[in-house]
Amino acid sequence: MVYQNPGDAAAMRISDADRDRAASVLGNALAEGRLTAEEHAARLDAIFAAKTHADIVPVVRDLPGAAAALEPAAYAALEPGAGPGPGAQLTHFARGGQRARVVAVFSGATRKGRWAVPTEMDAVSVFGDTELDLRQATMSQQSVSMRVIALFGSARITVPPEMHVIDEGWAVFGGREMPPDSDESAAPGAPVLRVTGVSIFGMVTIRREQRAISAR
């Protein structure tokens, strides 16, 4: 048996599932009035940019459910009182983030027409609405990964007929609607959209539609 001390756990790289669990803690705190929308957005941005468990702990440690959402050893590795208080600035946690982001907080965000889809991106709706249309977009890779989070908001993604969709997200008092495969999307070599993330009192909808025919 290999002993792992708390410092080792705190330095462990985090996964998308770890980020999603931490995001659910923030979503519950927002629903209970423990965080303002501005505080929630800042902390959510910090979670997306986090690399290790030690990066996440200060963002959620002053909220209910934090210990259960994180690795216990990593949570215990930090001294009590190190967490941010209400209104604390969290920009220093956001260094080094590389993923592209579309964020709608009490607002709307849209990407459609001809736009470049990054290989990895986050789409966040907090009391807002996000719409992404991939039918005319360009992809640099055959596979695209999107972390879609809807907290009291909605996210709608439209994909072309040939795109295969894999949903690895989950919902809490929310919903996720994914389309069945078409003959084109089920074919070998089809482009892939892999969706992770969480819906908390929100809705994530992905639809497969034909491309519009341009008038000549």
N, C-alpha and C. Protein backbone atom coordinates (compact mmCIF):
# COMPACT_ATOMS: atom_id res chain seq x y z
N MET A 1 0.85 -1.20 0.00
CA MET A 1 0.00 0.00 0.00
C MET A 1 0.88 1.24 0.00
N VAL A 2 0.60 2.17 -0.89
CA VAL A 2 1.40 3.39 -0.99
C VAL A 2 0.69 4.49 -0.22
N TYR A 3 1.38 5.11 0.72
CA TYR A 3 0.80 6.20 1.51
C TYR A 3 0.84 7.50 0.73
N GLN A 4 -0.26 8.18 0.74
CA GLN A 4 -0.34 9.46 0.05
C GLN A 4 -0.66 10.53 1.08
N ASN A 5 0.27 11.46 1.27
CA ASN A 5 0.01 12.51 2.26
C ASN A 5 -0.88 13.59 1.68
N PRO A 6 -1.48 14.45 2.55
CA PRO A 6 -2.41 15.47 2.06
C PRO A 6 -1.81 16.40 1.02
N GLY A 7 -0.52 16.70 1.15
CA GLY A 7 0.11 17.58 0.18
C GLY A 7 0.10 16.99 -1.22
N ASP A 8 0.30 15.65 -1.29
CA ASP A 8 0.27 14.99 -2.59
C ASP A 8 -1.11 15.09 -3.23
N ALA A 9 -2.16 14.90 -2.41
CA ALA A 9 -3.52 14.98 -2.94
C ALA A 9 -3.85 16.38 -3.40
N ALA A 10 -3.41 17.38 -2.63
CA ALA A 10 -3.71 18.76 -3.00
C ALA A 10 -3.06 19.14 -4.32
N ALA A 11 -1.91 18.53 -4.63
CA ALA A 11 -1.20 18.85 -5.85
C ALA A 11 -1.67 18.01 -7.03
N MET A 12 -2.59 17.09 -6.80
CA MET A 12 -3.07 16.21 -7.86
C MET A 12 -3.85 17.00 -8.91
N ARG A 13 -3.62 16.69 -10.16
CA ARG A 13 -4.35 17.35 -11.25
C ARG A 13 -5.83 16.97 -11.17
N ILE A 14 -6.71 17.92 -11.46
CA ILE A 14 -8.13 17.66 -11.37
C ILE A 14 -8.70 17.27 -12.73
N SER A 15 -9.85 16.61 -12.70
CA SER A 15 -10.53 16.17 -13.91
C SER A 15 -11.75 17.05 -14.17
N ASP A 16 -12.37 16.86 -15.32
CA ASP A 16 -13.61 17.57 -15.62
C ASP A 16 -14.69 17.23 -14.60
N ALA A 17 -14.72 15.98 -14.14
CA ALA A 17 -15.71 15.57 -13.14
C ALA A 17 -15.50 16.33 -11.84
N ASP A 18 -14.24 16.55 -11.45
CA ASP A 18 -13.94 17.33 -10.25
C ASP A 18 -14.45 18.76 -10.40
N ARG A 19 -14.23 19.34 -11.56
CA ARG A 19 -14.71 20.71 -11.80
C ARG A 19 -16.24 20.77 -11.75
N ASP A 20 -16.89 19.75 -12.33
CA ASP A 20 -18.35 19.74 -12.33
C ASP A 20 -18.90 19.64 -10.92
N ARG A 21 -18.28 18.83 -10.06
CA ARG A 21 -18.74 18.72 -8.67
C ARG A 21 -18.58 20.05 -7.94
N ALA A 22 -17.46 20.70 -8.16
CA ALA A 22 -17.24 22.01 -7.52
C ALA A 22 -18.23 23.03 -8.05
N ALA A 23 -18.55 22.97 -9.35
CA ALA A 23 -19.52 23.90 -9.93
C ALA A 23 -20.90 23.69 -9.33
N SER A 24 -21.25 22.43 -8.99
CA SER A 24 -22.55 22.17 -8.38
C SER A 24 -22.64 22.79 -6.99
N VAL A 25 -21.51 22.83 -6.27
CA VAL A 25 -21.49 23.50 -4.97
C VAL A 25 -21.79 24.99 -5.14
N LEU A 26 -21.19 25.60 -6.15
CA LEU A 26 -21.45 27.02 -6.41
C LEU A 26 -22.90 27.23 -6.82
N GLY A 27 -23.44 26.33 -7.64
CA GLY A 27 -24.83 26.47 -8.08
C GLY A 27 -25.80 26.41 -6.91
N ASN A 28 -25.56 25.49 -5.99
CA ASN A 28 -26.42 25.40 -4.81
C ASN A 28 -26.31 26.66 -3.95
N ALA A 29 -25.09 27.18 -3.81
CA ALA A 29 -24.90 28.39 -3.01
C ALA A 29 -25.60 29.59 -3.65
N LEU A 30 -25.58 29.65 -4.98
CA LEU A 30 -26.28 30.73 -5.67
C LEU A 30 -27.79 30.62 -5.45
N ALA A 31 -28.32 29.39 -5.54
CA ALA A 31 -29.75 29.19 -5.36
C ALA A 31 -30.20 29.52 -3.95
N GLU A 32 -29.32 29.31 -2.96
CA GLU A 32 -29.66 29.57 -1.56
C GLU A 32 -29.40 31.01 -1.15
N GLY A 33 -28.87 31.82 -2.06
CA GLY A 33 -28.59 33.21 -1.75
C GLY A 33 -27.30 33.43 -1.00
N ARG A 34 -26.44 32.43 -0.94
CA ARG A 34 -25.15 32.58 -0.25
C ARG A 34 -24.14 33.34 -1.11
N LEU A 35 -24.32 33.31 -2.42
CA LEU A 35 -23.45 34.02 -3.35
C LEU A 35 -24.29 34.93 -4.22
N THR A 36 -23.75 36.09 -4.55
CA THR A 36 -24.39 36.93 -5.56
C THR A 36 -24.04 36.38 -6.94
N ALA A 37 -24.73 36.85 -7.96
CA ALA A 37 -24.43 36.39 -9.32
C ALA A 37 -23.01 36.75 -9.71
N GLU A 38 -22.55 37.93 -9.27
CA GLU A 38 -21.18 38.36 -9.60
C GLU A 38 -20.15 37.47 -8.92
N GLU A 39 -20.38 37.15 -7.64
CA GLU A 39 -19.46 36.27 -6.93
C GLU A 39 -19.45 34.88 -7.54
N HIS A 40 -20.64 34.40 -7.91
CA HIS A 40 -20.74 33.07 -8.52
C HIS A 40 -19.97 33.02 -9.83
N ALA A 41 -20.12 34.04 -10.67
CA ALA A 41 -19.44 34.06 -11.96
C ALA A 41 -17.92 34.09 -11.77
N ALA A 42 -17.44 34.87 -10.80
CA ALA A 42 -15.99 34.95 -10.57
C ALA A 42 -15.43 33.62 -10.08
N ARG A 43 -16.17 32.97 -9.18
CA ARG A 43 -15.68 31.69 -8.66
C ARG A 43 -15.78 30.58 -9.72
N LEU A 44 -16.80 30.63 -10.53
CA LEU A 44 -16.93 29.64 -11.59
C LEU A 44 -15.77 29.77 -12.58
N ASP A 45 -15.40 31.00 -12.89
CA ASP A 45 -14.26 31.24 -13.77
C ASP A 45 -12.99 30.67 -13.16
N ALA A 46 -12.85 30.81 -11.83
CA ALA A 46 -11.67 30.27 -11.15
C ALA A 46 -11.64 28.75 -11.21
N ILE A 47 -12.80 28.10 -11.12
CA ILE A 47 -12.86 26.65 -11.20
C ILE A 47 -12.45 26.17 -12.58
N PHE A 48 -12.90 26.85 -13.64
CA PHE A 48 -12.53 26.46 -14.99
C PHE A 48 -11.02 26.57 -15.21
N ALA A 49 -10.39 27.55 -14.54
CA ALA A 49 -8.96 27.76 -14.75
C ALA A 49 -8.09 26.90 -13.83
N ALA A 50 -8.71 26.24 -12.85
CA ALA A 50 -7.95 25.47 -11.88
C ALA A 50 -7.24 24.28 -12.52
N LYS A 51 -6.08 23.96 -12.00
CA LYS A 51 -5.30 22.82 -12.50
C LYS A 51 -5.21 21.69 -11.48
N THR A 52 -5.18 22.02 -10.18
CA THR A 52 -5.03 21.02 -9.13
C THR A 52 -6.15 21.17 -8.10
N HIS A 53 -6.25 20.18 -7.21
CA HIS A 53 -7.23 20.26 -6.13
C HIS A 53 -6.97 21.48 -5.24
N ALA A 54 -5.71 21.80 -5.04
CA ALA A 54 -5.38 22.95 -4.21
C ALA A 54 -5.93 24.25 -4.79
N ASP A 55 -6.07 24.31 -6.11
CA ASP A 55 -6.63 25.51 -6.74
C ASP A 55 -8.13 25.64 -6.49
N ILE A 56 -8.83 24.51 -6.39
CA ILE A 56 -10.28 24.54 -6.22
C ILE A 56 -10.70 24.80 -4.78
N VAL A 57 -9.95 24.23 -3.83
CA VAL A 57 -10.36 24.30 -2.43
C VAL A 57 -10.66 25.72 -1.95
N PRO A 58 -9.79 26.72 -2.19
CA PRO A 58 -10.09 28.06 -1.69
C PRO A 58 -11.34 28.68 -2.31
N VAL A 59 -11.76 28.18 -3.45
CA VAL A 59 -12.92 28.76 -4.13
C VAL A 59 -14.23 28.32 -3.49
N VAL A 60 -14.27 27.11 -2.89
CA VAL A 60 -15.53 26.56 -2.39
C VAL A 60 -15.52 26.26 -0.89
N ARG A 61 -14.39 26.40 -0.22
CA ARG A 61 -14.28 25.89 1.14
C ARG A 61 -15.19 26.59 2.13
N ASP A 62 -15.68 27.80 1.84
CA ASP A 62 -16.57 28.51 2.75
C ASP A 62 -18.04 28.25 2.42
N LEU A 63 -18.33 27.22 1.59
CA LEU A 63 -19.70 26.92 1.17
C LEU A 63 -20.11 25.52 1.62
N PRO A 64 -21.40 25.31 1.90
CA PRO A 64 -21.87 23.97 2.28
C PRO A 64 -21.63 22.96 1.15
N GLY A 65 -21.22 21.77 1.54
CA GLY A 65 -21.01 20.70 0.56
C GLY A 65 -19.63 20.66 -0.04
N ALA A 66 -18.76 21.59 0.35
CA ALA A 66 -17.43 21.64 -0.26
C ALA A 66 -16.62 20.39 0.05
N ALA A 67 -16.63 19.94 1.32
CA ALA A 67 -15.82 18.79 1.71
C ALA A 67 -16.24 17.54 0.97
N ALA A 68 -17.55 17.38 0.75
CA ALA A 68 -18.03 16.19 0.05
C ALA A 68 -17.71 16.23 -1.43
N ALA A 69 -17.58 17.43 -1.99
CA ALA A 69 -17.35 17.56 -3.43
C ALA A 69 -15.90 17.39 -3.81
N LEU A 70 -14.99 17.54 -2.83
CA LEU A 70 -13.57 17.50 -3.12
C LEU A 70 -12.92 16.31 -2.46
N GLU A 71 -11.69 16.01 -2.89
CA GLU A 71 -10.93 14.95 -2.24
C GLU A 71 -10.69 15.34 -0.78
N PRO A 72 -11.06 14.49 0.19
CA PRO A 72 -10.90 14.85 1.59
C PRO A 72 -9.47 15.24 1.96
N ALA A 73 -8.47 14.51 1.44
CA ALA A 73 -7.09 14.83 1.79
C ALA A 73 -6.69 16.18 1.26
N ALA A 74 -7.15 16.50 0.04
CA ALA A 74 -6.81 17.80 -0.54
C ALA A 74 -7.48 18.92 0.23
N TYR A 75 -8.73 18.66 0.69
CA TYR A 75 -9.45 19.69 1.44
C TYR A 75 -8.77 19.96 2.77
N ALA A 76 -8.26 18.91 3.42
CA ALA A 76 -7.62 19.08 4.71
C ALA A 76 -6.23 19.66 4.61
N ALA A 77 -5.68 19.69 3.40
CA ALA A 77 -4.30 20.13 3.25
C ALA A 77 -4.13 21.62 3.47
N LEU A 78 -5.18 22.39 3.31
CA LEU A 78 -5.09 23.83 3.48
C LEU A 78 -5.51 24.23 4.87
N GLU A 79 -4.89 25.28 5.39
CA GLU A 79 -5.21 25.74 6.73
C GLU A 79 -6.58 26.39 6.76
N PRO A 80 -7.34 26.23 7.87
CA PRO A 80 -8.64 26.89 7.98
C PRO A 80 -8.49 28.39 7.83
N GLY A 81 -9.50 28.99 7.21
CA GLY A 81 -9.48 30.45 7.08
C GLY A 81 -8.81 30.94 5.83
N ALA A 82 -8.28 30.01 5.00
CA ALA A 82 -7.59 30.47 3.80
C ALA A 82 -8.54 30.78 2.66
N GLY A 83 -9.81 30.40 2.82
CA GLY A 83 -10.77 30.59 1.74
C GLY A 83 -11.15 32.04 1.57
N PRO A 84 -11.71 32.40 0.42
CA PRO A 84 -12.11 33.77 0.16
C PRO A 84 -13.37 34.13 0.90
N GLY A 85 -13.47 35.32 1.38
CA GLY A 85 -14.68 35.81 2.01
C GLY A 85 -15.61 36.36 0.97
N PRO A 86 -16.81 36.80 1.39
CA PRO A 86 -17.77 37.36 0.45
C PRO A 86 -17.19 38.54 -0.31
N GLY A 87 -17.36 38.53 -1.60
CA GLY A 87 -16.89 39.63 -2.42
C GLY A 87 -15.40 39.60 -2.73
N ALA A 88 -14.70 38.53 -2.30
CA ALA A 88 -13.26 38.48 -2.55
C ALA A 88 -12.97 38.40 -4.03
N GLN A 89 -11.86 38.99 -4.45
CA GLN A 89 -11.45 38.94 -5.83
C GLN A 89 -10.75 37.62 -6.11
N LEU A 90 -11.18 36.91 -7.16
CA LEU A 90 -10.64 35.59 -7.44
C LEU A 90 -9.84 35.55 -8.73
N THR A 91 -9.48 36.68 -9.25
CA THR A 91 -8.78 36.69 -10.53
C THR A 91 -7.43 36.01 -10.44
N HIS A 92 -6.83 35.97 -9.26
CA HIS A 92 -5.51 35.34 -9.15
C HIS A 92 -5.59 33.83 -9.30
N PHE A 93 -6.78 33.24 -9.17
CA PHE A 93 -6.92 31.80 -9.39
C PHE A 93 -7.01 31.47 -10.86
N ALA A 94 -7.21 32.45 -11.72
CA ALA A 94 -7.55 32.19 -13.11
C ALA A 94 -6.35 32.22 -14.05
N ARG A 95 -5.16 32.16 -13.49
CA ARG A 95 -3.99 32.20 -14.35
C ARG A 95 -3.84 30.90 -15.12
N GLY A 96 -3.44 31.01 -16.36
CA GLY A 96 -3.07 29.84 -17.14
C GLY A 96 -4.21 29.11 -17.81
N GLY A 97 -5.43 29.62 -17.74
CA GLY A 97 -6.53 28.94 -18.41
C GLY A 97 -6.36 28.99 -19.92
N GLN A 98 -6.56 27.87 -20.59
CA GLN A 98 -6.35 27.79 -22.03
C GLN A 98 -7.63 27.53 -22.81
N ARG A 99 -8.70 27.12 -22.14
CA ARG A 99 -9.93 26.78 -22.84
C ARG A 99 -10.67 28.04 -23.26
N ALA A 100 -11.27 27.99 -24.45
CA ALA A 100 -12.11 29.10 -24.90
C ALA A 100 -13.42 29.06 -24.12
N ARG A 101 -14.03 30.23 -23.91
CA ARG A 101 -15.24 30.29 -23.10
C ARG A 101 -16.28 31.18 -23.73
N VAL A 102 -17.54 30.75 -23.60
CA VAL A 102 -18.69 31.58 -23.93
C VAL A 102 -19.52 31.65 -22.66
N VAL A 103 -19.70 32.84 -22.11
CA VAL A 103 -20.37 33.00 -20.82
C VAL A 103 -21.54 33.95 -20.95
N ALA A 104 -22.70 33.54 -20.42
CA ALA A 104 -23.89 34.38 -20.40
C ALA A 104 -24.41 34.44 -18.97
N VAL A 105 -24.25 35.57 -18.29
CA VAL A 105 -24.73 35.77 -16.93
C VAL A 105 -25.79 36.86 -16.97
N PHE A 106 -27.05 36.48 -16.71
CA PHE A 106 -28.18 37.40 -16.83
C PHE A 106 -28.18 38.06 -18.21
N SER A 107 -27.80 37.31 -19.22
CA SER A 107 -27.71 37.86 -20.57
C SER A 107 -27.75 36.71 -21.57
N GLY A 108 -27.49 37.01 -22.85
CA GLY A 108 -27.46 36.00 -23.89
C GLY A 108 -26.13 36.00 -24.62
N ALA A 109 -25.74 34.85 -25.12
CA ALA A 109 -24.51 34.72 -25.91
C ALA A 109 -24.80 33.82 -27.10
N THR A 110 -24.36 34.23 -28.28
CA THR A 110 -24.66 33.48 -29.50
C THR A 110 -23.41 33.32 -30.35
N ARG A 111 -23.22 32.14 -30.91
CA ARG A 111 -22.18 31.89 -31.91
C ARG A 111 -22.85 31.13 -33.05
N LYS A 112 -22.90 31.72 -34.21
CA LYS A 112 -23.50 31.05 -35.36
C LYS A 112 -22.89 31.57 -36.64
N GLY A 113 -23.28 30.96 -37.76
CA GLY A 113 -22.67 31.33 -39.02
C GLY A 113 -21.28 30.73 -39.14
N ARG A 114 -20.38 31.45 -39.75
CA ARG A 114 -19.01 30.96 -39.93
C ARG A 114 -18.14 31.41 -38.76
N TRP A 115 -17.78 30.47 -37.92
CA TRP A 115 -16.90 30.74 -36.79
C TRP A 115 -16.04 29.52 -36.52
N ALA A 116 -14.89 29.74 -35.94
CA ALA A 116 -13.94 28.66 -35.68
C ALA A 116 -14.23 28.04 -34.32
N VAL A 117 -14.52 26.75 -34.32
CA VAL A 117 -14.82 26.04 -33.08
C VAL A 117 -13.51 25.53 -32.47
N PRO A 118 -13.17 25.96 -31.26
CA PRO A 118 -11.95 25.45 -30.63
C PRO A 118 -12.09 23.98 -30.27
N THR A 119 -10.99 23.31 -30.11
CA THR A 119 -11.02 21.89 -29.75
C THR A 119 -11.63 21.67 -28.38
N GLU A 120 -11.40 22.62 -27.45
CA GLU A 120 -11.97 22.54 -26.12
C GLU A 120 -12.57 23.90 -25.77
N MET A 121 -13.79 23.89 -25.24
CA MET A 121 -14.40 25.16 -24.86
C MET A 121 -15.42 24.94 -23.75
N ASP A 122 -15.73 26.03 -23.05
CA ASP A 122 -16.73 26.04 -22.01
C ASP A 122 -17.87 26.95 -22.45
N ALA A 123 -19.10 26.51 -22.23
CA ALA A 123 -20.29 27.33 -22.46
C ALA A 123 -21.07 27.40 -21.16
N VAL A 124 -21.17 28.59 -20.58
CA VAL A 124 -21.76 28.76 -19.26
C VAL A 124 -22.96 29.69 -19.34
N SER A 125 -24.10 29.26 -18.81
CA SER A 125 -25.30 30.08 -18.75
C SER A 125 -25.76 30.17 -17.30
N VAL A 126 -25.71 31.35 -16.72
CA VAL A 126 -26.17 31.59 -15.36
C VAL A 126 -27.31 32.60 -15.43
N PHE A 127 -28.53 32.14 -15.26
CA PHE A 127 -29.70 32.99 -15.47
C PHE A 127 -29.61 33.66 -16.85
N GLY A 128 -29.05 32.93 -17.80
CA GLY A 128 -28.88 33.46 -19.14
C GLY A 128 -29.15 32.40 -20.18
N ASP A 129 -28.86 32.73 -21.42
CA ASP A 129 -29.17 31.84 -22.53
C ASP A 129 -27.99 31.84 -23.50
N THR A 130 -27.49 30.64 -23.82
CA THR A 130 -26.39 30.47 -24.76
C THR A 130 -26.86 29.67 -25.97
N GLU A 131 -26.52 30.14 -27.15
CA GLU A 131 -26.90 29.43 -28.38
C GLU A 131 -25.66 29.26 -29.25
N LEU A 132 -25.35 28.02 -29.58
CA LEU A 132 -24.20 27.70 -30.42
C LEU A 132 -24.68 26.90 -31.62
N ASP A 133 -24.36 27.38 -32.81
CA ASP A 133 -24.76 26.70 -34.05
C ASP A 133 -23.48 26.27 -34.77
N LEU A 134 -23.30 24.97 -34.90
CA LEU A 134 -22.07 24.41 -35.50
C LEU A 134 -22.22 24.06 -36.97
N ARG A 135 -23.37 24.32 -37.56
CA ARG A 135 -23.62 23.83 -38.91
C ARG A 135 -22.74 24.50 -39.96
N GLN A 136 -22.41 25.77 -39.79
CA GLN A 136 -21.54 26.47 -40.73
C GLN A 136 -20.15 26.73 -40.16
N ALA A 137 -19.91 26.23 -38.96
CA ALA A 137 -18.63 26.48 -38.30
C ALA A 137 -17.53 25.58 -38.85
N THR A 138 -16.30 25.98 -38.62
CA THR A 138 -15.14 25.20 -39.04
C THR A 138 -14.48 24.58 -37.81
N MET A 139 -14.04 23.32 -37.95
CA MET A 139 -13.39 22.60 -36.86
C MET A 139 -11.98 22.24 -37.27
N SER A 140 -11.02 22.53 -36.39
CA SER A 140 -9.63 22.21 -36.69
C SER A 140 -9.33 20.74 -36.40
N GLN A 141 -10.16 20.10 -35.58
CA GLN A 141 -9.98 18.70 -35.24
C GLN A 141 -11.28 17.94 -35.52
N GLN A 142 -11.16 16.62 -35.63
CA GLN A 142 -12.33 15.78 -35.88
C GLN A 142 -13.24 15.69 -34.66
N SER A 143 -12.68 15.92 -33.48
CA SER A 143 -13.43 15.81 -32.24
C SER A 143 -13.37 17.12 -31.47
N VAL A 144 -14.50 17.55 -30.93
CA VAL A 144 -14.60 18.77 -30.14
C VAL A 144 -15.17 18.43 -28.78
N SER A 145 -14.59 19.02 -27.73
CA SER A 145 -15.07 18.79 -26.37
C SER A 145 -15.64 20.09 -25.82
N MET A 146 -16.88 20.03 -25.34
CA MET A 146 -17.52 21.20 -24.74
C MET A 146 -18.00 20.87 -23.33
N ARG A 147 -17.63 21.72 -22.39
CA ARG A 147 -18.19 21.63 -21.05
C ARG A 147 -19.33 22.64 -20.98
N VAL A 148 -20.54 22.16 -20.88
CA VAL A 148 -21.72 23.02 -20.91
C VAL A 148 -22.37 23.03 -19.54
N ILE A 149 -22.45 24.21 -18.94
CA ILE A 149 -23.03 24.36 -17.60
C ILE A 149 -24.20 25.33 -17.68
N ALA A 150 -25.37 24.87 -17.22
CA ALA A 150 -26.57 25.70 -17.21
C ALA A 150 -27.09 25.78 -15.79
N LEU A 151 -26.94 26.94 -15.16
CA LEU A 151 -27.42 27.18 -13.81
C LEU A 151 -28.56 28.19 -13.88
N PHE A 152 -29.77 27.70 -13.72
CA PHE A 152 -30.95 28.55 -13.88
C PHE A 152 -30.93 29.24 -15.25
N GLY A 153 -30.37 28.57 -16.22
CA GLY A 153 -30.30 29.12 -17.58
C GLY A 153 -30.45 28.01 -18.59
N SER A 154 -30.19 28.32 -19.84
CA SER A 154 -30.34 27.33 -20.90
C SER A 154 -29.19 27.43 -21.89
N ALA A 155 -28.89 26.31 -22.49
CA ALA A 155 -27.88 26.25 -23.55
C ALA A 155 -28.44 25.40 -24.68
N ARG A 156 -28.41 25.93 -25.90
CA ARG A 156 -28.89 25.21 -27.08
C ARG A 156 -27.77 25.11 -28.09
N ILE A 157 -27.51 23.90 -28.54
CA ILE A 157 -26.45 23.65 -29.51
C ILE A 157 -27.06 22.95 -30.72
N THR A 158 -26.82 23.48 -31.89
CA THR A 158 -27.31 22.89 -33.12
C THR A 158 -26.14 22.29 -33.88
N VAL A 159 -26.23 21.02 -34.23
CA VAL A 159 -25.14 20.33 -34.92
C VAL A 159 -25.61 19.91 -36.30
N PRO A 160 -24.69 19.72 -37.24
CA PRO A 160 -25.05 19.27 -38.59
C PRO A 160 -25.41 17.78 -38.57
N PRO A 161 -26.04 17.27 -39.63
CA PRO A 161 -26.51 15.88 -39.66
C PRO A 161 -25.42 14.85 -39.44
N GLU A 162 -24.19 15.17 -39.88
CA GLU A 162 -23.13 14.15 -39.81
C GLU A 162 -22.38 14.12 -38.49
N MET A 163 -22.73 14.96 -37.51
CA MET A 163 -21.97 15.04 -36.26
C MET A 163 -22.53 14.07 -35.22
N HIS A 164 -21.64 13.25 -34.67
CA HIS A 164 -22.00 12.31 -33.61
C HIS A 164 -21.87 13.03 -32.27
N VAL A 165 -22.88 12.88 -31.40
CA VAL A 165 -22.90 13.57 -30.11
C VAL A 165 -22.79 12.55 -28.98
N ILE A 166 -21.85 12.80 -28.06
CA ILE A 166 -21.67 11.97 -26.87
C ILE A 166 -21.93 12.85 -25.65
N ASP A 167 -22.91 12.49 -24.84
CA ASP A 167 -23.23 13.27 -23.65
C ASP A 167 -22.71 12.56 -22.41
N GLU A 168 -21.80 13.22 -21.68
CA GLU A 168 -21.25 12.67 -20.46
C GLU A 168 -21.57 13.58 -19.27
N GLY A 169 -22.55 14.47 -19.43
CA GLY A 169 -22.91 15.38 -18.36
C GLY A 169 -24.03 14.83 -17.50
N TRP A 170 -24.48 15.65 -16.55
CA TRP A 170 -25.55 15.22 -15.65
C TRP A 170 -26.41 16.41 -15.26
N ALA A 171 -27.56 16.12 -14.67
CA ALA A 171 -28.53 17.16 -14.35
C ALA A 171 -29.04 17.00 -12.92
N VAL A 172 -29.26 18.14 -12.25
CA VAL A 172 -29.86 18.18 -10.92
C VAL A 172 -31.01 19.18 -10.99
N PHE A 173 -32.23 18.70 -10.91
CA PHE A 173 -33.41 19.55 -11.07
C PHE A 173 -33.33 20.33 -12.38
N GLY A 174 -32.75 19.70 -13.37
CA GLY A 174 -32.63 20.31 -14.68
C GLY A 174 -32.83 19.25 -15.74
N GLY A 175 -32.44 19.54 -16.97
CA GLY A 175 -32.64 18.57 -18.03
C GLY A 175 -31.54 18.63 -19.08
N ARG A 176 -31.40 17.53 -19.79
CA ARG A 176 -30.44 17.43 -20.89
C ARG A 176 -31.12 16.65 -22.02
N GLU A 177 -31.20 17.24 -23.18
CA GLU A 177 -31.87 16.62 -24.32
C GLU A 177 -30.88 16.45 -25.45
N MET A 178 -30.63 15.20 -25.83
CA MET A 178 -29.67 14.89 -26.87
C MET A 178 -30.35 14.17 -28.03
N PRO A 179 -29.92 14.42 -29.26
CA PRO A 179 -30.58 13.79 -30.41
C PRO A 179 -30.06 12.37 -30.64
N PRO A 180 -30.90 11.49 -31.19
CA PRO A 180 -30.41 10.17 -31.59
C PRO A 180 -29.51 10.30 -32.81
N ASP A 181 -28.71 9.29 -33.04
CA ASP A 181 -27.83 9.31 -34.21
C ASP A 181 -28.64 9.25 -35.50
N SER A 182 -28.13 9.93 -36.52
CA SER A 182 -28.65 9.79 -37.88
C SER A 182 -27.79 8.78 -38.62
N ASP A 183 -28.18 8.42 -39.85
CA ASP A 183 -27.35 7.50 -40.63
C ASP A 183 -25.96 8.08 -40.85
N GLU A 184 -25.89 9.40 -41.03
CA GLU A 184 -24.59 10.05 -41.28
C GLU A 184 -23.74 10.09 -40.01
N SER A 185 -24.35 10.45 -38.88
CA SER A 185 -23.57 10.60 -37.66
C SER A 185 -23.11 9.26 -37.08
N ALA A 186 -23.79 8.18 -37.46
CA ALA A 186 -23.41 6.85 -36.98
C ALA A 186 -22.34 6.21 -37.85
N ALA A 187 -21.99 6.85 -38.95
CA ALA A 187 -20.99 6.28 -39.87
C ALA A 187 -19.58 6.41 -39.29
N PRO A 188 -18.70 5.47 -39.60
CA PRO A 188 -17.31 5.56 -39.14
C PRO A 188 -16.65 6.85 -39.65
N GLY A 189 -15.87 7.46 -38.78
CA GLY A 189 -15.16 8.67 -39.17
C GLY A 189 -15.97 9.94 -39.06
N ALA A 190 -17.18 9.87 -38.49
CA ALA A 190 -18.01 11.06 -38.34
C ALA A 190 -17.39 12.01 -37.32
N PRO A 191 -17.53 13.32 -37.52
CA PRO A 191 -17.03 14.26 -36.51
C PRO A 191 -17.78 14.07 -35.20
N VAL A 192 -17.11 14.37 -34.09
CA VAL A 192 -17.66 14.06 -32.77
C VAL A 192 -17.74 15.32 -31.91
N LEU A 193 -18.88 15.49 -31.26
CA LEU A 193 -19.03 16.52 -30.22
C LEU A 193 -19.22 15.80 -28.90
N ARG A 194 -18.27 15.97 -27.99
CA ARG A 194 -18.35 15.34 -26.67
C ARG A 194 -18.76 16.42 -25.67
N VAL A 195 -19.89 16.20 -25.00
CA VAL A 195 -20.45 17.20 -24.09
C VAL A 195 -20.34 16.71 -22.65
N THR A 196 -19.75 17.54 -21.79
CA THR A 196 -19.71 17.27 -20.35
C THR A 196 -20.39 18.45 -19.65
N GLY A 197 -20.36 18.47 -18.34
CA GLY A 197 -20.92 19.58 -17.60
C GLY A 197 -22.15 19.18 -16.82
N VAL A 198 -22.88 20.18 -16.34
CA VAL A 198 -24.00 19.95 -15.45
C VAL A 198 -25.12 20.95 -15.70
N SER A 199 -26.36 20.50 -15.50
CA SER A 199 -27.53 21.37 -15.56
C SER A 199 -28.16 21.40 -14.17
N ILE A 200 -28.18 22.56 -13.55
CA ILE A 200 -28.79 22.73 -12.23
C ILE A 200 -29.92 23.74 -12.39
N PHE A 201 -31.15 23.26 -12.30
CA PHE A 201 -32.31 24.10 -12.57
C PHE A 201 -32.16 24.78 -13.93
N GLY A 202 -31.56 24.08 -14.86
CA GLY A 202 -31.34 24.62 -16.20
C GLY A 202 -31.55 23.54 -17.24
N MET A 203 -31.41 23.90 -18.49
CA MET A 203 -31.66 22.97 -19.59
C MET A 203 -30.57 23.07 -20.64
N VAL A 204 -30.06 21.92 -21.04
CA VAL A 204 -29.11 21.83 -22.15
C VAL A 204 -29.78 21.03 -23.26
N THR A 205 -29.89 21.63 -24.43
CA THR A 205 -30.56 20.99 -25.56
C THR A 205 -29.63 20.97 -26.77
N ILE A 206 -29.48 19.79 -27.35
CA ILE A 206 -28.69 19.66 -28.58
C ILE A 206 -29.62 19.11 -29.66
N ARG A 207 -29.64 19.81 -30.80
CA ARG A 207 -30.49 19.41 -31.92
C ARG A 207 -29.65 19.18 -33.16
N ARG A 208 -30.07 18.22 -33.97
CA ARG A 208 -29.40 17.95 -35.23
C ARG A 208 -30.30 18.45 -36.35
N GLU A 209 -29.79 19.38 -37.16
CA GLU A 209 -30.59 19.98 -38.22
C GLU A 209 -29.79 20.07 -39.51
N GLN A 210 -30.50 20.08 -40.62
CA GLN A 210 -29.86 20.25 -41.93
C GLN A 210 -29.30 21.65 -42.05
N ARG A 211 -28.26 21.77 -42.85
CA ARG A 211 -27.73 23.09 -43.15
C ARG A 211 -28.69 23.86 -44.04
N ALA A 212 -28.74 25.16 -43.83
CA ALA A 212 -29.59 25.99 -44.68
C ALA A 212 -29.02 26.04 -46.08
N ILE A 213 -29.89 26.03 -47.08
CA ILE A 213 -29.46 26.09 -48.48
C ILE A 213 -29.37 27.54 -48.90
N SER A 214 -28.21 27.97 -49.31
CA SER A 214 -28.01 29.35 -49.69
C SER A 214 -28.72 29.64 -51.00
N ALA A 215 -29.35 30.79 -51.04
CA ALA A 215 -30.03 31.21 -52.29
C ALA A 215 -29.00 31.58 -53.35
N ARG A 216 -29.25 31.14 -54.55
CA ARG A 216 -28.32 31.45 -55.64
C ARG A 216 -28.73 32.70 -56.37
